[in-house]
C-alpha atoms as a PDB file:
ATOM      1  CA  MET A   1       0.087  -0.015  -0.023  1.00  0.00           C
ATOM      2  CA  MET A   2       1.290   3.482  -0.909  1.00  0.00           C
ATOM      3  CA  GLN A   3       2.008   5.714   1.997  1.00  0.00           C
ATOM      4  CA  ILE A   4       1.104   9.419   1.709  1.00  0.00           C
ATOM      5  CA  SER A   5       3.451  11.965   3.377  1.00  0.00           C
ATOM      6  CA  LYS A   6       2.175  14.574   5.758  1.00  0.00           C
ATOM      7  CA  ASN A   7       2.650  17.349   3.188  1.00  0.00           C
ATOM      8  CA  LYS A   8       0.616  15.482   0.542  1.00  0.00           C
ATOM      9  CA  ARG A   9      -2.116  14.666   3.093  1.00  0.00           C
ATOM     10  CA  LEU A  10      -2.218  18.314   4.162  1.00  0.00           C
ATOM     11  CA  ALA A  11      -2.421  19.481   0.506  1.00  0.00           C
ATOM     12  CA  LEU A  12      -5.235  16.984  -0.137  1.00  0.00           C
ATOM     13  CA  VAL A  13      -7.249  18.038   2.957  1.00  0.00           C
ATOM     14  CA  SER A  14      -6.633  21.690   2.096  1.00  0.00           C
ATOM     15  CA  MET A  15      -7.894  21.364  -1.404  1.00  0.00           C
ATOM     16  CA  LEU A  16     -10.987  19.447  -0.230  1.00  0.00           C
ATOM     17  CA  ALA A  17     -11.797  22.164   2.216  1.00  0.00           C
ATOM     18  CA  ALA A  18     -11.305  24.889  -0.362  1.00  0.00           C
ATOM     19  CA  SER A  19     -13.546  23.074  -2.815  1.00  0.00           C
ATOM     20  CA  ALA A  20     -16.242  22.648  -0.173  1.00  0.00           C
ATOM     21  CA  MET A  21     -16.113  26.335   0.764  1.00  0.00           C
ATOM     22  CA  LEU A  22     -16.217  27.391  -2.982  1.00  0.00           C
ATOM     23  CA  ALA A  23     -19.016  25.025  -3.869  1.00  0.00           C
ATOM     24  CA  SER A  24     -21.153  26.081  -0.841  1.00  0.00           C
ATOM     25  CA  GLY A  25     -21.496  29.522  -2.315  1.00  0.00           C
ATOM     26  CA  CYS A  26     -23.084  28.287  -5.475  1.00  0.00           C
ATOM     27  CA  ASP A  27     -26.787  28.737  -6.050  1.00  0.00           C
ATOM     28  CA  ASN A  28     -27.581  25.829  -8.386  1.00  0.00           C
ATOM     29  CA  ALA A  29     -26.172  22.661  -9.718  1.00  0.00           C
ATOM     30  CA  GLY A  30     -24.656  24.188 -12.828  1.00  0.00           C
ATOM     31  CA  GLU A  31     -22.707  26.828 -10.943  1.00  0.00           C
ATOM     32  CA  GLY A  32     -21.734  24.304  -8.351  1.00  0.00           C
ATOM     33  CA  ALA A  33     -20.488  21.859 -11.040  1.00  0.00           C
ATOM     34  CA  LEU A  34     -18.390  24.461 -12.788  1.00  0.00           C
ATOM     35  CA  GLY A  35     -16.834  25.822  -9.577  1.00  0.00           C
ATOM     36  CA  GLY A  36     -16.259  22.338  -8.181  1.00  0.00           C
ATOM     37  CA  ALA A  37     -14.669  21.135 -11.404  1.00  0.00           C
ATOM     38  CA  ALA A  38     -12.318  24.092 -11.495  1.00  0.00           C
ATOM     39  CA  VAL A  39     -11.236  23.723  -7.842  1.00  0.00           C
ATOM     40  CA  GLY A  40     -11.081  19.920  -8.203  1.00  0.00           C
ATOM     41  CA  ALA A  41      -8.907  20.074 -11.272  1.00  0.00           C
ATOM     42  CA  LEU A  42      -6.437  22.477  -9.570  1.00  0.00           C
ATOM     43  CA  GLY A  43      -6.389  20.245  -6.524  1.00  0.00           C
ATOM     44  CA  GLY A  44      -5.970  17.087  -8.602  1.00  0.00           C
ATOM     45  CA  LEU A  45      -3.188  18.830 -10.615  1.00  0.00           C
ATOM     46  CA  ALA A  46      -1.323  19.730  -7.464  1.00  0.00           C
ATOM     47  CA  ILE A  47      -1.714  16.355  -5.949  1.00  0.00           C
ATOM     48  CA  GLY A  48      -1.027  14.582  -9.181  1.00  0.00           C
ATOM     49  CA  SER A  49       2.161  16.490  -9.695  1.00  0.00           C
ATOM     50  CA  LEU A  50       3.283  15.414  -6.255  1.00  0.00           C
ATOM     51  CA  THR A  51       2.765  11.819  -7.178  1.00  0.00           C
ATOM     52  CA  GLY A  52       4.130  12.129 -10.740  1.00  0.00           C
ATOM     53  CA  ASN A  53       0.957  12.105 -12.875  1.00  0.00           C
ATOM     54  CA  ALA A  54      -0.552  15.666 -12.995  1.00  0.00           C
ATOM     55  CA  GLY A  55      -2.832  15.016 -15.946  1.00  0.00           C
ATOM     56  CA  ALA A  56      -4.618  12.127 -14.457  1.00  0.00           C
ATOM     57  CA  GLY A  57      -4.809  13.966 -11.127  1.00  0.00           C
ATOM     58  CA  ALA A  58      -6.415  17.007 -12.786  1.00  0.00           C
ATOM     59  CA  ALA A  59      -8.931  14.832 -14.708  1.00  0.00           C
ATOM     60  CA  ILE A  60      -9.868  12.928 -11.652  1.00  0.00           C
ATOM     61  CA  GLY A  61     -10.112  15.992  -9.530  1.00  0.00           C
ATOM     62  CA  ALA A  62     -12.271  17.813 -12.121  1.00  0.00           C
ATOM     63  CA  VAL A  63     -14.798  14.944 -12.232  1.00  0.00           C
ATOM     64  CA  ALA A  64     -14.845  14.524  -8.432  1.00  0.00           C
ATOM     65  CA  GLY A  65     -15.108  18.320  -7.881  1.00  0.00           C
ATOM     66  CA  GLY A  66     -17.735  18.746 -10.548  1.00  0.00           C
ATOM     67  CA  ALA A  67     -19.965  16.071  -9.135  1.00  0.00           C
ATOM     68  CA  THR A  68     -19.485  17.243  -5.574  1.00  0.00           C
ATOM     69  CA  GLY A  69     -20.139  20.906  -6.620  1.00  0.00           C
ATOM     70  CA  ALA A  70     -23.353  19.903  -8.566  1.00  0.00           C
ATOM     71  CA  VAL A  71     -24.718  18.144  -5.566  1.00  0.00           C
ATOM     72  CA  ILE A  72     -23.916  21.001  -3.197  1.00  0.00           C
ATOM     73  CA  GLY A  73     -25.263  23.632  -5.568  1.00  0.00           C
ATOM     74  CA  ASP A  74     -28.486  21.625  -6.020  1.00  0.00           C
ATOM     75  CA  GLN A  75     -28.946  21.427  -2.156  1.00  0.00           C
ATOM     76  CA  ASN A  76     -28.365  25.149  -1.829  1.00  0.00           C
ATOM     77  CA  ARG A  77     -30.990  25.803  -4.436  1.00  0.00           C
ATOM     78  CA  ARG A  78     -33.490  23.526  -2.723  1.00  0.00           C
ATOM     79  CA  LYS A  79     -32.806  25.043   0.642  1.00  0.00           C
ATOM     80  CA  GLU A  80     -33.321  28.582  -0.812  1.00  0.00           C
ATOM     81  CA  GLU A  81     -36.567  27.578  -2.446  1.00  0.00           C
ATOM     82  CA  GLN A  82     -37.863  26.006   0.735  1.00  0.00           C
ATOM     83  CA  SER A  83     -36.900  29.205   2.756  1.00  0.00           C
ATOM     84  CA  ARG A  84     -38.887  31.285   0.237  1.00  0.00           C
ATOM     85  CA  ARG A  85     -41.954  29.000   0.417  1.00  0.00           C
ATOM     86  CA  GLU A  86     -41.906  29.217   4.270  1.00  0.00           C
ATOM     87  CA  THR A  87     -41.541  33.034   4.193  1.00  0.00           C
ATOM     88  CA  TYR A  88     -44.402  33.374   1.738  1.00  0.00           C
ATOM     89  CA  ALA A  89     -46.629  31.088   3.776  1.00  0.00           C
ATOM     90  CA  ARG A  90     -45.797  33.029   6.928  1.00  0.00           C
ATOM     91  CA  ARG A  91     -46.587  36.347   5.264  1.00  0.00           C
ATOM     92  CA  ASN A  92     -49.791  35.215   3.757  1.00  0.00           C
ATOM     93  CA  SER A  93     -51.206  33.134   6.454  1.00  0.00           C
ATOM     94  CA  GLY A  94     -54.243  34.839   8.110  1.00  0.00           C
ATOM     95  CA  TYR A  95     -54.756  37.727   5.714  1.00  0.00           C
ATOM     96  CA  ASP A  96     -58.029  36.301   4.333  1.00  0.00           C
ATOM     97  CA  GLN A  97     -59.469  35.200   7.625  1.00  0.00           C
ATOM     98  CA  GLY A  98     -62.590  37.013   8.790  1.00  0.00           C
ATOM     99  CA  TYR A  99     -62.937  39.512   6.020  1.00  0.00           C
ATOM    100  CA  ASP A 100     -66.024  38.167   4.179  1.00  0.00           C
END
């Protein structure tokens, strides 16, 4: 089994944290996928260059980052829609009661 040095492990964790932070700011799946793919590709490139295969690392990072970003972006969109529905329901509840 291949052993990963502390520096490589730190780089991997840092890139994953950065991609999570970037993707969490996306409002929909498309934005999340693009942002995640970009961050994933950069992270994969950096990690791949440490292991000697930058191209494969970038490709794997882009796919993983894109998928993760799409999921996070979609969840953010759903959360925002739910919040809007709840706000609308709260504002409109009771306005029509007793005004016949």
